[in-house]
Amino acid sequence: MKYHYVLTLQIPLIGIATRNDVVDLAPGTSRQAVFIRAREIAIKGFAEAGEFDPADLVNRAVVIFWSCEPEVLGGDQ
């Protein structure tokens, strides 16, 4: 089933970034697993843009917004 996620992170003294994507998830996939992967992608973007250490950014990142919902609105999936 396809899901759409939106993640906004703020890294103090660096900036704010929003990432979103549609992912096809197997039944039983946890929102936590999707969140961890989305956060990795967002932090990798920050790190590459500013030549920062991703491990340092993970510890500094503040989640401003997180949503993971079925891509199809209403009705049968």
N, C-alpha and C. Protein backbone atom coordinates (compact mmCIF):
# COMPACT_ATOMS: atom_id res chain seq x y z
N MET A 1 0.83 -1.17 0.00
CA MET A 1 0.00 0.00 0.00
C MET A 1 0.88 1.24 0.00
N LYS A 2 0.46 2.27 -0.70
CA LYS A 2 1.26 3.49 -0.81
C LYS A 2 0.87 4.49 0.28
N TYR A 3 1.92 5.12 0.83
CA TYR A 3 1.76 6.14 1.86
C TYR A 3 2.52 7.39 1.45
N HIS A 4 2.02 8.52 1.89
CA HIS A 4 2.71 9.79 1.66
C HIS A 4 3.19 10.30 3.01
N TYR A 5 4.47 10.69 3.07
CA TYR A 5 4.97 11.27 4.31
C TYR A 5 5.48 12.68 4.06
N VAL A 6 5.44 13.47 5.11
CA VAL A 6 6.00 14.81 5.13
C VAL A 6 6.79 14.94 6.42
N LEU A 7 8.02 15.40 6.32
CA LEU A 7 8.88 15.58 7.49
C LEU A 7 9.56 16.94 7.38
N THR A 8 9.41 17.74 8.43
CA THR A 8 10.12 19.02 8.51
C THR A 8 11.04 18.97 9.71
N LEU A 9 12.32 19.24 9.46
CA LEU A 9 13.33 19.26 10.51
C LEU A 9 13.95 20.65 10.60
N GLN A 10 14.30 21.03 11.80
CA GLN A 10 15.10 22.24 12.01
C GLN A 10 16.39 21.81 12.69
N ILE A 11 17.48 22.31 12.16
CA ILE A 11 18.77 22.08 12.80
C ILE A 11 19.27 23.46 13.23
N PRO A 12 19.32 23.69 14.55
CA PRO A 12 19.71 25.00 15.05
C PRO A 12 21.00 25.51 14.41
N LEU A 13 20.97 26.76 14.07
CA LEU A 13 22.09 27.49 13.45
C LEU A 13 22.37 27.06 12.01
N ILE A 14 21.57 26.12 11.48
CA ILE A 14 21.77 25.69 10.09
C ILE A 14 20.55 26.02 9.25
N GLY A 15 19.36 25.57 9.67
CA GLY A 15 18.17 25.88 8.90
C GLY A 15 17.06 24.87 9.08
N ILE A 16 16.04 25.03 8.23
CA ILE A 16 14.85 24.18 8.24
C ILE A 16 14.71 23.57 6.85
N ALA A 17 14.33 22.30 6.82
CA ALA A 17 14.09 21.64 5.53
C ALA A 17 12.89 20.71 5.66
N THR A 18 12.12 20.63 4.58
CA THR A 18 10.98 19.72 4.52
C THR A 18 11.23 18.72 3.40
N ARG A 19 10.97 17.47 3.69
CA ARG A 19 11.06 16.41 2.71
C ARG A 19 9.72 15.70 2.66
N ASN A 20 9.34 15.24 1.47
CA ASN A 20 8.12 14.44 1.34
C ASN A 20 8.32 13.44 0.22
N ASP A 21 7.60 12.34 0.33
CA ASP A 21 7.72 11.30 -0.69
C ASP A 21 6.53 10.36 -0.56
N VAL A 22 6.29 9.59 -1.61
CA VAL A 22 5.31 8.51 -1.58
C VAL A 22 6.11 7.22 -1.55
N VAL A 23 5.79 6.37 -0.58
CA VAL A 23 6.51 5.11 -0.43
C VAL A 23 5.51 3.96 -0.44
N ASP A 24 5.92 2.85 -1.01
CA ASP A 24 5.10 1.65 -1.04
C ASP A 24 5.58 0.77 0.11
N LEU A 25 4.70 0.57 1.09
CA LEU A 25 5.10 -0.14 2.31
C LEU A 25 4.40 -1.49 2.41
N ALA A 26 5.16 -2.46 2.86
CA ALA A 26 4.61 -3.79 3.10
C ALA A 26 3.71 -3.75 4.33
N PRO A 27 2.66 -4.56 4.35
CA PRO A 27 1.83 -4.63 5.56
C PRO A 27 2.68 -4.91 6.79
N GLY A 28 2.40 -4.21 7.85
CA GLY A 28 3.14 -4.39 9.09
C GLY A 28 4.32 -3.46 9.26
N THR A 29 4.65 -2.67 8.23
CA THR A 29 5.74 -1.70 8.36
C THR A 29 5.33 -0.65 9.38
N SER A 30 6.22 -0.33 10.29
CA SER A 30 5.88 0.64 11.33
C SER A 30 6.10 2.08 10.86
N ARG A 31 5.33 3.00 11.43
CA ARG A 31 5.55 4.42 11.16
C ARG A 31 6.95 4.82 11.61
N GLN A 32 7.42 4.21 12.70
CA GLN A 32 8.76 4.50 13.21
C GLN A 32 9.82 4.19 12.15
N ALA A 33 9.68 3.05 11.48
CA ALA A 33 10.65 2.69 10.43
C ALA A 33 10.64 3.71 9.30
N VAL A 34 9.44 4.16 8.92
CA VAL A 34 9.34 5.16 7.85
C VAL A 34 9.95 6.47 8.33
N PHE A 35 9.66 6.86 9.56
CA PHE A 35 10.21 8.10 10.11
C PHE A 35 11.73 8.07 10.14
N ILE A 36 12.30 6.99 10.64
CA ILE A 36 13.77 6.88 10.72
C ILE A 36 14.38 7.04 9.34
N ARG A 37 13.81 6.38 8.34
CA ARG A 37 14.34 6.47 6.97
C ARG A 37 14.17 7.88 6.41
N ALA A 38 13.03 8.49 6.63
CA ALA A 38 12.79 9.86 6.15
C ALA A 38 13.77 10.82 6.81
N ARG A 39 14.00 10.64 8.11
CA ARG A 39 14.96 11.51 8.82
C ARG A 39 16.37 11.32 8.27
N GLU A 40 16.76 10.09 7.98
CA GLU A 40 18.08 9.83 7.40
C GLU A 40 18.24 10.57 6.07
N ILE A 41 17.21 10.52 5.23
CA ILE A 41 17.26 11.20 3.93
C ILE A 41 17.38 12.70 4.11
N ALA A 42 16.57 13.28 5.00
CA ALA A 42 16.61 14.73 5.23
C ALA A 42 17.97 15.16 5.79
N ILE A 43 18.49 14.42 6.74
CA ILE A 43 19.77 14.78 7.36
C ILE A 43 20.91 14.62 6.36
N LYS A 44 20.83 13.61 5.53
CA LYS A 44 21.86 13.44 4.49
C LYS A 44 21.88 14.66 3.57
N GLY A 45 20.69 15.19 3.23
CA GLY A 45 20.62 16.40 2.41
C GLY A 45 21.26 17.59 3.09
N PHE A 46 20.97 17.78 4.37
CA PHE A 46 21.60 18.86 5.14
C PHE A 46 23.11 18.69 5.15
N ALA A 47 23.56 17.47 5.43
CA ALA A 47 25.00 17.20 5.56
C ALA A 47 25.73 17.48 4.25
N GLU A 48 25.16 17.02 3.14
CA GLU A 48 25.81 17.22 1.84
C GLU A 48 25.83 18.70 1.46
N ALA A 49 24.75 19.40 1.75
CA ALA A 49 24.67 20.81 1.38
C ALA A 49 25.67 21.66 2.14
N GLY A 50 25.93 21.30 3.40
CA GLY A 50 26.81 22.13 4.21
C GLY A 50 28.08 21.47 4.65
N GLU A 51 28.35 20.28 4.14
CA GLU A 51 29.54 19.52 4.50
C GLU A 51 29.63 19.31 6.02
N PHE A 52 28.51 18.83 6.59
CA PHE A 52 28.44 18.54 8.01
C PHE A 52 28.49 17.04 8.23
N ASP A 53 28.79 16.64 9.45
CA ASP A 53 28.79 15.23 9.85
C ASP A 53 27.35 14.82 10.14
N PRO A 54 26.80 13.85 9.37
CA PRO A 54 25.41 13.43 9.61
C PRO A 54 25.15 12.97 11.04
N ALA A 55 26.12 12.30 11.67
CA ALA A 55 25.93 11.82 13.05
C ALA A 55 25.72 12.99 14.00
N ASP A 56 26.41 14.09 13.78
CA ASP A 56 26.23 15.29 14.61
C ASP A 56 24.86 15.90 14.37
N LEU A 57 24.42 15.91 13.11
CA LEU A 57 23.14 16.52 12.78
C LEU A 57 21.96 15.75 13.37
N VAL A 58 22.07 14.43 13.43
CA VAL A 58 20.99 13.61 14.01
C VAL A 58 20.75 14.05 15.46
N ASN A 59 21.80 14.31 16.19
CA ASN A 59 21.68 14.70 17.59
C ASN A 59 21.13 16.12 17.75
N ARG A 60 21.27 16.95 16.75
CA ARG A 60 20.84 18.34 16.84
C ARG A 60 19.47 18.59 16.20
N ALA A 61 19.01 17.67 15.37
CA ALA A 61 17.77 17.88 14.61
C ALA A 61 16.54 17.91 15.53
N VAL A 62 15.67 18.88 15.25
CA VAL A 62 14.40 19.02 15.97
C VAL A 62 13.28 18.77 14.96
N VAL A 63 12.38 17.86 15.28
CA VAL A 63 11.26 17.58 14.40
C VAL A 63 10.21 18.67 14.58
N ILE A 64 9.91 19.37 13.49
CA ILE A 64 8.90 20.42 13.50
C ILE A 64 7.55 19.83 13.09
N PHE A 65 7.57 18.91 12.12
CA PHE A 65 6.33 18.31 11.63
C PHE A 65 6.63 16.92 11.09
N TRP A 66 5.70 15.98 11.34
CA TRP A 66 5.81 14.62 10.81
C TRP A 66 4.41 14.11 10.53
N SER A 67 4.20 13.57 9.33
CA SER A 67 2.93 12.96 8.97
C SER A 67 3.20 11.79 8.04
N CYS A 68 2.48 10.70 8.24
CA CYS A 68 2.56 9.54 7.37
C CYS A 68 1.16 8.98 7.25
N GLU A 69 0.56 9.14 6.08
CA GLU A 69 -0.84 8.78 5.87
C GLU A 69 -0.99 8.00 4.56
N PRO A 70 -2.06 7.20 4.44
CA PRO A 70 -2.30 6.54 3.15
C PRO A 70 -2.37 7.57 2.03
N GLU A 71 -1.79 7.22 0.88
CA GLU A 71 -1.75 8.17 -0.24
C GLU A 71 -3.14 8.42 -0.81
N VAL A 72 -3.95 7.39 -0.88
CA VAL A 72 -5.29 7.51 -1.46
C VAL A 72 -6.24 8.05 -0.40
N LEU A 73 -6.99 9.09 -0.76
CA LEU A 73 -7.93 9.71 0.17
C LEU A 73 -9.28 9.04 0.10
N GLY A 74 -9.78 8.59 1.25
CA GLY A 74 -11.12 8.03 1.35
C GLY A 74 -11.33 6.78 0.52
N GLY A 75 -12.46 6.14 0.72
CA GLY A 75 -12.83 4.99 -0.09
C GLY A 75 -11.90 3.80 0.05
N ASP A 76 -12.04 2.89 -0.90
CA ASP A 76 -11.21 1.69 -0.90
C ASP A 76 -9.80 2.01 -1.33
N GLN A 77 -8.88 1.29 -0.79
CA GLN A 77 -7.48 1.47 -1.13
C GLN A 77 -7.19 0.59 -2.30
